[in-house]
PDB file of N, CA and C in Angstrom:
ATOM      1  N   GLN A   1       9.184 -17.544   9.739  1.00  0.00           N
ATOM      2  CA  GLN A   1       7.828 -16.913   9.456  1.00  0.00           C
ATOM      3  C   GLN A   1       8.358 -15.674   9.017  1.00  0.00           C
ATOM      4  N   VAL A   2       7.878 -15.342   7.622  1.00  0.00           N
ATOM      5  CA  VAL A   2       8.216 -13.902   7.118  1.00  0.00           C
ATOM      6  C   VAL A   2       7.014 -13.003   7.831  1.00  0.00           C
ATOM      7  N   GLN A   3       7.488 -11.832   8.076  1.00  0.00           N
ATOM      8  CA  GLN A   3       6.638 -10.857   8.643  1.00  0.00           C
ATOM      9  C   GLN A   3       6.756  -9.760   7.833  1.00  0.00           C
ATOM     10  N   LEU A   4       5.276  -8.729   7.699  1.00  0.00           N
ATOM     11  CA  LEU A   4       5.458  -7.682   7.136  1.00  0.00           C
ATOM     12  C   LEU A   4       5.122  -6.397   7.865  1.00  0.00           C
ATOM     13  N   VAL A   5       5.876  -5.377   7.679  1.00  0.00           N
ATOM     14  CA  VAL A   5       5.717  -4.169   8.463  1.00  0.00           C
ATOM     15  C   VAL A   5       5.652  -2.887   7.511  1.00  0.00           C
ATOM     16  N   GLU A   6       4.553  -2.319   7.602  1.00  0.00           N
ATOM     17  CA  GLU A   6       4.086  -1.329   6.971  1.00  0.00           C
ATOM     18  C   GLU A   6       4.600   0.097   7.702  1.00  0.00           C
ATOM     19  N   SER A   7       4.938   1.069   6.956  1.00  0.00           N
ATOM     20  CA  SER A   7       5.157   2.230   7.638  1.00  0.00           C
ATOM     21  C   SER A   7       4.995   3.491   6.493  1.00  0.00           C
ATOM     22  N   GLY A   8       5.018   4.636   7.173  1.00  0.00           N
ATOM     23  CA  GLY A   8       4.958   5.850   5.983  1.00  0.00           C
ATOM     24  C   GLY A   8       3.861   6.580   5.999  1.00  0.00           C
ATOM     25  N   GLY A   9       2.748   5.990   6.955  1.00  0.00           N
ATOM     26  CA  GLY A   9       1.279   6.657   7.096  1.00  0.00           C
ATOM     27  C   GLY A   9       1.684   8.045   7.665  1.00  0.00           C
ATOM     28  N   GLY A  10       0.502   8.810   7.807  1.00  0.00           N
ATOM     29  CA  GLY A  10       0.493   9.914   8.520  1.00  0.00           C
ATOM     30  C   GLY A  10      -0.534  10.886   8.195  1.00  0.00           C
ATOM     31  N   LEU A  11      -0.436  12.257   8.684  1.00  0.00           N
ATOM     32  CA  LEU A  11      -1.468  13.238   8.477  1.00  0.00           C
ATOM     33  C   LEU A  11      -0.963  14.022   7.201  1.00  0.00           C
ATOM     34  N   VAL A  12      -1.841  14.285   6.330  1.00  0.00           N
ATOM     35  CA  VAL A  12      -1.370  15.128   5.064  1.00  0.00           C
ATOM     36  C   VAL A  12      -2.565  15.902   4.742  1.00  0.00           C
ATOM     37  N   GLN A  13      -2.253  16.984   3.966  1.00  0.00           N
ATOM     38  CA  GLN A  13      -3.523  17.889   3.689  1.00  0.00           C
ATOM     39  C   GLN A  13      -3.833  17.244   2.311  1.00  0.00           C
ATOM     40  N   THR A  14      -5.177  17.811   1.891  1.00  0.00           N
ATOM     41  CA  THR A  14      -5.752  17.341   0.461  1.00  0.00           C
ATOM     42  C   THR A  14      -4.684  17.899  -0.626  1.00  0.00           C
ATOM     43  N   GLY A  15      -4.374  17.117  -1.353  1.00  0.00           N
ATOM     44  CA  GLY A  15      -3.358  17.238  -2.516  1.00  0.00           C
ATOM     45  C   GLY A  15      -2.149  16.897  -2.186  1.00  0.00           C
ATOM     46  N   GLY A  16      -1.748  16.531  -1.116  1.00  0.00           N
ATOM     47  CA  GLY A  16      -0.332  16.177  -0.662  1.00  0.00           C
ATOM     48  C   GLY A  16       0.156  14.797  -0.875  1.00  0.00           C
ATOM     49  N   SER A  17       1.292  14.212  -0.548  1.00  0.00           N
ATOM     50  CA  SER A  17       1.580  12.919  -0.999  1.00  0.00           C
ATOM     51  C   SER A  17       2.152  12.229   0.348  1.00  0.00           C
ATOM     52  N   LEU A  18       2.274  10.876   0.176  1.00  0.00           N
ATOM     53  CA  LEU A  18       2.909   9.923   1.070  1.00  0.00           C
ATOM     54  C   LEU A  18       3.283   8.764   0.236  1.00  0.00           C
ATOM     55  N   ARG A  19       4.496   8.223   0.979  1.00  0.00           N
ATOM     56  CA  ARG A  19       4.966   7.024   0.341  1.00  0.00           C
ATOM     57  C   ARG A  19       4.927   5.989   1.647  1.00  0.00           C
ATOM     58  N   LEU A  20       4.101   5.111   1.218  1.00  0.00           N
ATOM     59  CA  LEU A  20       3.937   3.824   2.296  1.00  0.00           C
ATOM     60  C   LEU A  20       5.123   2.752   1.799  1.00  0.00           C
ATOM     61  N   SER A  21       5.622   2.090   2.806  1.00  0.00           N
ATOM     62  CA  SER A  21       6.519   1.070   2.491  1.00  0.00           C
ATOM     63  C   SER A  21       6.019  -0.193   3.381  1.00  0.00           C
ATOM     64  N   CYS A  22       6.314  -1.259   2.695  1.00  0.00           N
ATOM     65  CA  CYS A  22       5.952  -2.528   3.070  1.00  0.00           C
ATOM     66  C   CYS A  22       7.261  -3.643   3.238  1.00  0.00           C
ATOM     67  N   ALA A  23       7.694  -3.687   4.345  1.00  0.00           N
ATOM     68  CA  ALA A  23       8.989  -4.218   4.467  1.00  0.00           C
ATOM     69  C   ALA A  23       8.833  -5.731   4.967  1.00  0.00           C
ATOM     70  N   ALA A  24       9.459  -6.772   4.280  1.00  0.00           N
ATOM     71  CA  ALA A  24       9.383  -8.236   4.592  1.00  0.00           C
ATOM     72  C   ALA A  24      10.649  -8.816   5.211  1.00  0.00           C
ATOM     73  N   SER A  25      10.339  -9.535   5.860  1.00  0.00           N
ATOM     74  CA  SER A  25      11.789 -10.142   6.509  1.00  0.00           C
ATOM     75  C   SER A  25      12.484 -11.238   5.792  1.00  0.00           C
ATOM     76  N   GLY A  26      11.972 -11.367   4.618  1.00  0.00           N
ATOM     77  CA  GLY A  26      12.700 -12.542   3.558  1.00  0.00           C
ATOM     78  C   GLY A  26      12.155 -11.937   2.188  1.00  0.00           C
ATOM     79  N   SER A  27      12.642 -12.735   1.236  1.00  0.00           N
ATOM     80  CA  SER A  27      12.647 -12.391  -0.218  1.00  0.00           C
ATOM     81  C   SER A  27      11.218 -13.013  -0.689  1.00  0.00           C
ATOM     82  N   ILE A  28      10.282 -12.204  -0.483  1.00  0.00           N
ATOM     83  CA  ILE A  28       8.993 -12.763  -0.717  1.00  0.00           C
ATOM     84  C   ILE A  28       8.472 -12.174  -1.933  1.00  0.00           C
ATOM     85  N   PHE A  29       8.600 -11.072  -2.183  1.00  0.00           N
ATOM     86  CA  PHE A  29       8.132 -10.116  -3.083  1.00  0.00           C
ATOM     87  C   PHE A  29       8.545 -10.327  -4.536  1.00  0.00           C
ATOM     88  N   SER A  30       9.636 -11.048  -4.632  1.00  0.00           N
ATOM     89  CA  SER A  30      10.209 -11.377  -5.931  1.00  0.00           C
ATOM     90  C   SER A  30       9.533 -12.542  -6.616  1.00  0.00           C
ATOM     91  N   ILE A  31       8.766 -13.550  -5.636  1.00  0.00           N
ATOM     92  CA  ILE A  31       8.227 -14.690  -6.119  1.00  0.00           C
ATOM     93  C   ILE A  31       6.669 -14.652  -6.186  1.00  0.00           C
ATOM     94  N   ASN A  32       6.273 -13.600  -5.466  1.00  0.00           N
ATOM     95  CA  ASN A  32       4.810 -13.784  -5.324  1.00  0.00           C
ATOM     96  C   ASN A  32       4.136 -12.249  -5.491  1.00  0.00           C
ATOM     97  N   ALA A  33       2.861 -12.503  -5.852  1.00  0.00           N
ATOM     98  CA  ALA A  33       2.174 -11.178  -6.098  1.00  0.00           C
ATOM     99  C   ALA A  33       1.960 -10.655  -4.880  1.00  0.00           C
ATOM    100  N   MET A  34       1.605  -9.442  -4.809  1.00  0.00           N
ATOM    101  CA  MET A  34       1.141  -8.777  -3.534  1.00  0.00           C
ATOM    102  C   MET A  34       0.024  -7.545  -3.714  1.00  0.00           C
ATOM    103  N   GLY A  35      -0.400  -7.328  -2.653  1.00  0.00           N
ATOM    104  CA  GLY A  35      -1.404  -6.007  -2.810  1.00  0.00           C
ATOM    105  C   GLY A  35      -1.426  -5.161  -1.644  1.00  0.00           C
ATOM    106  N   TRP A  36      -2.030  -3.931  -2.085  1.00  0.00           N
ATOM    107  CA  TRP A  36      -2.221  -2.915  -1.082  1.00  0.00           C
ATOM    108  C   TRP A  36      -3.813  -2.775  -0.776  1.00  0.00           C
ATOM    109  N   TYR A  37      -4.247  -2.784   0.404  1.00  0.00           N
ATOM    110  CA  TYR A  37      -5.517  -2.698   0.732  1.00  0.00           C
ATOM    111  C   TYR A  37      -5.694  -1.558   1.698  1.00  0.00           C
ATOM    112  N   ARG A  38      -7.132  -1.052   1.574  1.00  0.00           N
ATOM    113  CA  ARG A  38      -7.235  -0.066   2.734  1.00  0.00           C
ATOM    114  C   ARG A  38      -8.598  -0.346   3.191  1.00  0.00           C
ATOM    115  N   GLN A  39      -8.544   0.180   4.696  1.00  0.00           N
ATOM    116  CA  GLN A  39     -10.050   0.149   5.109  1.00  0.00           C
ATOM    117  C   GLN A  39     -10.425   1.290   5.967  1.00  0.00           C
ATOM    118  N   ALA A  40     -11.414   1.984   5.473  1.00  0.00           N
ATOM    119  CA  ALA A  40     -11.835   3.036   6.271  1.00  0.00           C
ATOM    120  C   ALA A  40     -12.951   2.769   7.312  1.00  0.00           C
ATOM    121  N   PRO A  41     -12.965   3.725   8.324  1.00  0.00           N
ATOM    122  CA  PRO A  41     -14.065   3.160   9.426  1.00  0.00           C
ATOM    123  C   PRO A  41     -15.409   2.937   8.862  1.00  0.00           C
ATOM    124  N   GLY A  42     -16.028   1.785   9.340  1.00  0.00           N
ATOM    125  CA  GLY A  42     -17.408   1.520   8.716  1.00  0.00           C
ATOM    126  C   GLY A  42     -17.424   0.937   7.552  1.00  0.00           C
ATOM    127  N   ARG A  43     -16.224   0.644   6.963  1.00  0.00           N
ATOM    128  CA  ARG A  43     -16.290   0.145   5.309  1.00  0.00           C
ATOM    129  C   ARG A  43     -15.472  -1.190   5.454  1.00  0.00           C
ATOM    130  N   GLN A  44     -15.840  -1.891   4.174  1.00  0.00           N
ATOM    131  CA  GLN A  44     -15.020  -3.082   4.079  1.00  0.00           C
ATOM    132  C   GLN A  44     -13.853  -2.742   3.533  1.00  0.00           C
ATOM    133  N   ARG A  45     -12.598  -3.703   3.810  1.00  0.00           N
ATOM    134  CA  ARG A  45     -11.383  -3.581   3.459  1.00  0.00           C
ATOM    135  C   ARG A  45     -11.572  -3.635   1.739  1.00  0.00           C
ATOM    136  N   GLU A  46     -10.714  -2.839   1.167  1.00  0.00           N
ATOM    137  CA  GLU A  46     -10.725  -2.775  -0.450  1.00  0.00           C
ATOM    138  C   GLU A  46      -9.311  -2.837  -0.950  1.00  0.00           C
ATOM    139  N   LEU A  47      -9.308  -3.546  -2.121  1.00  0.00           N
ATOM    140  CA  LEU A  47      -8.137  -3.490  -2.806  1.00  0.00           C
ATOM    141  C   LEU A  47      -7.811  -2.003  -3.543  1.00  0.00           C
ATOM    142  N   VAL A  48      -6.490  -1.763  -3.243  1.00  0.00           N
ATOM    143  CA  VAL A  48      -6.364  -0.337  -3.959  1.00  0.00           C
ATOM    144  C   VAL A  48      -5.225  -0.542  -5.003  1.00  0.00           C
ATOM    145  N   ALA A  49      -4.276  -1.624  -4.825  1.00  0.00           N
ATOM    146  CA  ALA A  49      -3.420  -1.621  -5.991  1.00  0.00           C
ATOM    147  C   ALA A  49      -2.800  -3.133  -5.755  1.00  0.00           C
ATOM    148  N   ALA A  50      -2.268  -3.718  -6.834  1.00  0.00           N
ATOM    149  CA  ALA A  50      -1.825  -4.963  -6.787  1.00  0.00           C
ATOM    150  C   ALA A  50      -0.563  -5.114  -7.649  1.00  0.00           C
ATOM    151  N   ARG A  51       0.333  -5.714  -7.527  1.00  0.00           N
ATOM    152  CA  ARG A  51       1.480  -6.050  -8.441  1.00  0.00           C
ATOM    153  C   ARG A  51       2.033  -7.522  -8.266  1.00  0.00           C
ATOM    154  N   SER A  52       2.084  -8.054  -9.462  1.00  0.00           N
ATOM    155  CA  SER A  52       2.314  -9.535  -9.623  1.00  0.00           C
ATOM    156  C   SER A  52       4.134  -9.480  -9.396  1.00  0.00           C
ATOM    157  N   SER A  53       4.535 -10.845  -9.336  1.00  0.00           N
ATOM    158  CA  SER A  53       5.952 -10.912  -9.257  1.00  0.00           C
ATOM    159  C   SER A  53       6.704 -10.474 -10.456  1.00  0.00           C
ATOM    160  N   ALA A  54       6.082 -10.550 -11.595  1.00  0.00           N
ATOM    161  CA  ALA A  54       6.588 -10.157 -12.968  1.00  0.00           C
ATOM    162  C   ALA A  54       6.526  -8.563 -13.051  1.00  0.00           C
ATOM    163  N   GLY A  55       5.926  -7.867 -12.099  1.00  0.00           N
ATOM    164  CA  GLY A  55       6.070  -6.444 -12.004  1.00  0.00           C
ATOM    165  C   GLY A  55       4.783  -5.814 -12.852  1.00  0.00           C
ATOM    166  N   PHE A  56       3.772  -6.862 -13.261  1.00  0.00           N
ATOM    167  CA  PHE A  56       2.406  -6.218 -13.769  1.00  0.00           C
ATOM    168  C   PHE A  56       1.725  -5.453 -12.673  1.00  0.00           C
ATOM    169  N   THR A  57       1.079  -4.527 -12.819  1.00  0.00           N
ATOM    170  CA  THR A  57       0.268  -3.865 -11.678  1.00  0.00           C
ATOM    171  C   THR A  57      -0.951  -3.580 -12.200  1.00  0.00           C
ATOM    172  N   ASN A  58      -1.982  -3.416 -11.253  1.00  0.00           N
ATOM    173  CA  ASN A  58      -3.337  -2.969 -11.727  1.00  0.00           C
ATOM    174  C   ASN A  58      -3.889  -2.128 -10.239  1.00  0.00           C
ATOM    175  N   TYR A  59      -4.637  -1.408 -10.623  1.00  0.00           N
ATOM    176  CA  TYR A  59      -5.197  -0.209  -9.474  1.00  0.00           C
ATOM    177  C   TYR A  59      -6.808  -0.247  -9.580  1.00  0.00           C
ATOM    178  N   ALA A  60      -7.224   0.130  -8.348  1.00  0.00           N
ATOM    179  CA  ALA A  60      -8.720   0.170  -8.124  1.00  0.00           C
ATOM    180  C   ALA A  60      -8.895   1.739  -9.092  1.00  0.00           C
ATOM    181  N   ASP A  61     -10.110   1.884  -9.450  1.00  0.00           N
ATOM    182  CA  ASP A  61     -10.337   3.323 -10.412  1.00  0.00           C
ATOM    183  C   ASP A  61      -9.973   4.397  -9.411  1.00  0.00           C
ATOM    184  N   SER A  62     -10.147   4.296  -8.297  1.00  0.00           N
ATOM    185  CA  SER A  62     -10.095   5.452  -7.300  1.00  0.00           C
ATOM    186  C   SER A  62      -8.463   5.878  -7.099  1.00  0.00           C
ATOM    187  N   ALA A  63      -7.637   4.866  -7.588  1.00  0.00           N
ATOM    188  CA  ALA A  63      -6.138   5.098  -7.404  1.00  0.00           C
ATOM    189  C   ALA A  63      -5.457   5.359  -8.530  1.00  0.00           C
ATOM    190  N   LYS A  64      -6.089   4.987  -9.692  1.00  0.00           N
ATOM    191  CA  LYS A  64      -5.570   5.224 -11.088  1.00  0.00           C
ATOM    192  C   LYS A  64      -5.146   6.640 -11.398  1.00  0.00           C
ATOM    193  N   GLY A  65      -3.846   6.778 -11.744  1.00  0.00           N
ATOM    194  CA  GLY A  65      -3.306   7.910 -12.051  1.00  0.00           C
ATOM    195  C   GLY A  65      -2.650   8.707 -10.830  1.00  0.00           C
ATOM    196  N   ARG A  66      -3.051   8.267  -9.780  1.00  0.00           N
ATOM    197  CA  ARG A  66      -2.547   8.959  -8.433  1.00  0.00           C
ATOM    198  C   ARG A  66      -1.619   8.057  -7.592  1.00  0.00           C
ATOM    199  N   PHE A  67      -1.929   6.868  -7.616  1.00  0.00           N
ATOM    200  CA  PHE A  67      -0.957   5.840  -6.717  1.00  0.00           C
ATOM    201  C   PHE A  67      -0.071   5.055  -7.687  1.00  0.00           C
ATOM    202  N   THR A  68       0.987   4.681  -7.088  1.00  0.00           N
ATOM    203  CA  THR A  68       2.031   3.725  -7.943  1.00  0.00           C
ATOM    204  C   THR A  68       2.675   2.676  -6.886  1.00  0.00           C
ATOM    205  N   VAL A  69       2.567   1.545  -7.430  1.00  0.00           N
ATOM    206  CA  VAL A  69       3.179   0.435  -6.678  1.00  0.00           C
ATOM    207  C   VAL A  69       4.448   0.373  -7.220  1.00  0.00           C
ATOM    208  N   SER A  70       5.661   0.194  -6.316  1.00  0.00           N
ATOM    209  CA  SER A  70       6.958  -0.200  -6.947  1.00  0.00           C
ATOM    210  C   SER A  70       7.594  -1.162  -5.962  1.00  0.00           C
ATOM    211  N   ARG A  71       8.613  -1.661  -6.251  1.00  0.00           N
ATOM    212  CA  ARG A  71       9.467  -2.737  -5.424  1.00  0.00           C
ATOM    213  C   ARG A  71      10.924  -2.469  -5.665  1.00  0.00           C
ATOM    214  N   ASP A  72      11.557  -2.814  -4.325  1.00  0.00           N
ATOM    215  CA  ASP A  72      12.912  -2.737  -4.131  1.00  0.00           C
ATOM    216  C   ASP A  72      13.204  -4.245  -3.735  1.00  0.00           C
ATOM    217  N   ASN A  73      13.719  -5.100  -4.706  1.00  0.00           N
ATOM    218  CA  ASN A  73      14.158  -6.521  -4.171  1.00  0.00           C
ATOM    219  C   ASN A  73      15.462  -6.485  -3.280  1.00  0.00           C
ATOM    220  N   ALA A  74      16.232  -5.593  -3.556  1.00  0.00           N
ATOM    221  CA  ALA A  74      17.397  -5.745  -2.567  1.00  0.00           C
ATOM    222  C   ALA A  74      16.939  -5.399  -1.205  1.00  0.00           C
ATOM    223  N   LYS A  75      15.711  -4.630  -0.932  1.00  0.00           N
ATOM    224  CA  LYS A  75      15.466  -4.331   0.443  1.00  0.00           C
ATOM    225  C   LYS A  75      14.397  -5.138   0.824  1.00  0.00           C
ATOM    226  N   ASN A  76      13.939  -5.999  -0.092  1.00  0.00           N
ATOM    227  CA  ASN A  76      12.569  -6.829   0.270  1.00  0.00           C
ATOM    228  C   ASN A  76      11.475  -5.914   0.890  1.00  0.00           C
ATOM    229  N   THR A  77      11.213  -4.686  -0.124  1.00  0.00           N
ATOM    230  CA  THR A  77      10.304  -3.786   0.421  1.00  0.00           C
ATOM    231  C   THR A  77       9.446  -3.524  -0.957  1.00  0.00           C
ATOM    232  N   VAL A  78       8.274  -3.154  -0.729  1.00  0.00           N
ATOM    233  CA  VAL A  78       7.291  -2.650  -1.669  1.00  0.00           C
ATOM    234  C   VAL A  78       6.947  -1.287  -1.164  1.00  0.00           C
ATOM    235  N   TYR A  79       6.527  -0.590  -2.235  1.00  0.00           N
ATOM    236  CA  TYR A  79       6.063   0.897  -2.002  1.00  0.00           C
ATOM    237  C   TYR A  79       4.732   1.057  -2.572  1.00  0.00           C
ATOM    238  N   LEU A  80       3.966   2.131  -1.825  1.00  0.00           N
ATOM    239  CA  LEU A  80       2.897   2.533  -2.526  1.00  0.00           C
ATOM    240  C   LEU A  80       2.987   4.202  -2.466  1.00  0.00           C
ATOM    241  N   GLN A  81       3.438   4.652  -3.671  1.00  0.00           N
ATOM    242  CA  GLN A  81       3.268   6.358  -3.826  1.00  0.00           C
ATOM    243  C   GLN A  81       1.899   6.673  -3.968  1.00  0.00           C
ATOM    244  N   MET A  82       1.444   7.688  -3.080  1.00  0.00           N
ATOM    245  CA  MET A  82       0.315   8.301  -3.354  1.00  0.00           C
ATOM    246  C   MET A  82       0.313   9.817  -3.162  1.00  0.00           C
ATOM    247  N   ASN A  83      -0.180  10.266  -4.518  1.00  0.00           N
ATOM    248  CA  ASN A  83      -0.106  11.565  -4.772  1.00  0.00           C
ATOM    249  C   ASN A  83      -1.471  12.016  -4.924  1.00  0.00           C
ATOM    250  N   SER A  84      -1.661  13.324  -4.885  1.00  0.00           N
ATOM    251  CA  SER A  84      -2.971  14.237  -4.932  1.00  0.00           C
ATOM    252  C   SER A  84      -4.019  13.410  -4.086  1.00  0.00           C
ATOM    253  N   LEU A  85      -3.686  13.269  -2.849  1.00  0.00           N
ATOM    254  CA  LEU A  85      -4.494  12.703  -1.901  1.00  0.00           C
ATOM    255  C   LEU A  85      -5.674  13.696  -1.617  1.00  0.00           C
ATOM    256  N   LYS A  86      -6.860  12.626  -1.337  1.00  0.00           N
ATOM    257  CA  LYS A  86      -8.080  13.429  -1.192  1.00  0.00           C
ATOM    258  C   LYS A  86      -8.559  12.708   0.479  1.00  0.00           C
ATOM    259  N   PRO A  87      -9.600  13.466   0.837  1.00  0.00           N
ATOM    260  CA  PRO A  87     -10.142  12.984   2.209  1.00  0.00           C
ATOM    261  C   PRO A  87     -10.506  11.730   2.127  1.00  0.00           C
ATOM    262  N   GLU A  88     -11.321  11.136   0.888  1.00  0.00           N
ATOM    263  CA  GLU A  88     -11.757  10.143   0.966  1.00  0.00           C
ATOM    264  C   GLU A  88     -10.608   8.652   0.858  1.00  0.00           C
ATOM    265  N   ASP A  89      -9.298   9.213   0.703  1.00  0.00           N
ATOM    266  CA  ASP A  89      -8.146   8.270   0.772  1.00  0.00           C
ATOM    267  C   ASP A  89      -7.978   7.878   2.324  1.00  0.00           C
ATOM    268  N   THR A  90      -8.627   8.652   3.257  1.00  0.00           N
ATOM    269  CA  THR A  90      -8.340   8.426   4.597  1.00  0.00           C
ATOM    270  C   THR A  90      -8.779   6.882   4.954  1.00  0.00           C
ATOM    271  N   ALA A  91      -7.808   6.175   5.676  1.00  0.00           N
ATOM    272  CA  ALA A  91      -7.935   4.749   5.805  1.00  0.00           C
ATOM    273  C   ALA A  91      -6.672   4.260   6.610  1.00  0.00           C
ATOM    274  N   VAL A  92      -6.784   2.976   6.929  1.00  0.00           N
ATOM    275  CA  VAL A  92      -5.729   2.350   7.362  1.00  0.00           C
ATOM    276  C   VAL A  92      -5.282   1.328   6.251  1.00  0.00           C
ATOM    277  N   TYR A  93      -4.109   1.352   5.857  1.00  0.00           N
ATOM    278  CA  TYR A  93      -3.555   0.818   4.593  1.00  0.00           C
ATOM    279  C   TYR A  93      -2.774  -0.398   4.990  1.00  0.00           C
ATOM    280  N   TYR A  94      -3.001  -1.457   4.353  1.00  0.00           N
ATOM    281  CA  TYR A  94      -2.353  -2.843   4.652  1.00  0.00           C
ATOM    282  C   TYR A  94      -1.666  -3.436   3.217  1.00  0.00           C
ATOM    283  N   CYS A  95      -0.470  -3.966   3.575  1.00  0.00           N
ATOM    284  CA  CYS A  95       0.019  -4.786   2.496  1.00  0.00           C
ATOM    285  C   CYS A  95      -0.236  -6.203   2.761  1.00  0.00           C
ATOM    286  N   THR A  96      -0.255  -6.957   1.812  1.00  0.00           N
ATOM    287  CA  THR A  96      -0.334  -8.394   1.794  1.00  0.00           C
ATOM    288  C   THR A  96       0.539  -9.182   0.799  1.00  0.00           C
ATOM    289  N   VAL A  97       0.864 -10.311   0.980  1.00  0.00           N
ATOM    290  CA  VAL A  97       1.659 -11.023   0.146  1.00  0.00           C
ATOM    291  C   VAL A  97       1.724 -12.583   0.697  1.00  0.00           C
ATOM    292  N   ALA A  98       1.315 -13.398  -0.016  1.00  0.00           N
ATOM    293  CA  ALA A  98       1.408 -15.082   0.207  1.00  0.00           C
ATOM    294  C   ALA A  98       0.469 -15.369   1.348  1.00  0.00           C
ATOM    295  N   GLY A  99      -0.687 -14.556   1.435  1.00  0.00           N
ATOM    296  CA  GLY A  99      -1.622 -14.938   2.721  1.00  0.00           C
ATOM    297  C   GLY A  99      -1.039 -14.026   4.014  1.00  0.00           C
ATOM    298  N   LEU A 100      -0.029 -13.448   4.001  1.00  0.00           N
ATOM    299  CA  LEU A 100       0.352 -12.665   5.176  1.00  0.00           C
ATOM    300  C   LEU A 100      -0.169 -11.302   5.001  1.00  0.00           C
ATOM    301  N   TRP A 101      -0.276 -10.753   6.042  1.00  0.00           N
ATOM    302  CA  TRP A 101      -0.859  -9.171   6.416  1.00  0.00           C
ATOM    303  C   TRP A 101       0.142  -8.490   7.264  1.00  0.00           C
ATOM    304  N   GLY A 102       0.381  -7.297   6.977  1.00  0.00           N
ATOM    305  CA  GLY A 102       0.948  -6.301   7.817  1.00  0.00           C
ATOM    306  C   GLY A 102      -0.090  -5.873   8.728  1.00  0.00           C
ATOM    307  N   GLN A 103       0.568  -4.982   9.627  1.00  0.00           N
ATOM    308  CA  GLN A 103      -0.373  -4.526  10.798  1.00  0.00           C
ATOM    309  C   GLN A 103      -1.246  -3.272  10.619  1.00  0.00           C
ATOM    310  N   GLY A 104      -0.822  -2.768   9.395  1.00  0.00           N
ATOM    311  CA  GLY A 104      -1.562  -1.534   8.817  1.00  0.00           C
ATOM    312  C   GLY A 104      -0.717  -0.327   9.176  1.00  0.00           C
ATOM    313  N   THR A 105      -1.007   0.708   8.586  1.00  0.00           N
ATOM    314  CA  THR A 105      -0.523   2.142   8.773  1.00  0.00           C
ATOM    315  C   THR A 105      -1.631   3.089   8.439  1.00  0.00           C
ATOM    316  N   GLN A 106      -1.725   4.068   9.331  1.00  0.00           N
ATOM    317  CA  GLN A 106      -2.912   4.827   9.309  1.00  0.00           C
ATOM    318  C   GLN A 106      -2.423   6.266   8.418  1.00  0.00           C
ATOM    319  N   VAL A 107      -3.482   6.414   7.205  1.00  0.00           N
ATOM    320  CA  VAL A 107      -3.464   7.585   6.481  1.00  0.00           C
ATOM    321  C   VAL A 107      -4.670   8.259   6.811  1.00  0.00           C
ATOM    322  N   THR A 108      -4.353   9.715   7.085  1.00  0.00           N
ATOM    323  CA  THR A 108      -5.417  10.645   7.159  1.00  0.00           C
ATOM    324  C   THR A 108      -5.153  11.935   6.464  1.00  0.00           C
ATOM    325  N   VAL A 109      -6.104  12.333   5.555  1.00  0.00           N
ATOM    326  CA  VAL A 109      -6.102  13.262   4.752  1.00  0.00           C
ATOM    327  C   VAL A 109      -7.032  14.289   5.140  1.00  0.00           C
ATOM    328  N   SER A 110      -6.453  15.589   5.583  1.00  0.00           N
ATOM    329  CA  SER A 110      -7.282  16.554   5.901  1.00  0.00           C
ATOM    330  C   SER A 110      -7.841  17.404   4.882  1.00  0.00           C
ATOM    331  N   SER A 111      -8.969  17.936   4.870  1.00  0.00           N
ATOM    332  CA  SER A 111      -9.660  18.941   3.791  1.00  0.00           C
ATOM    333  C   SER A 111      -9.405  20.213   4.072  1.00  0.00           C
TER     334      SER A 111
END
């Protein structure tokens, strides 16, 4: 059973950056599309960014120009680089691939 483990969350000031990682226990990202989602308190989980197995990406309007998805096949890891963070980016961030979900990592942006 492939497992996903997110890391890289934390507390950052407005305008700061974080890079989230999603590590898989198998070579799953090279053959499946994946997505980064987030869920803020009291809100529904929403898609932030997605990347196809071929490398095509799309982003939520709120993430365009600030967030970037990348992948390291050798490490079976995908990343979400988040720049120019805003307080409204505060949420638990999850990665998902092939129906699997990680445990989430908390991102808190202070004003």
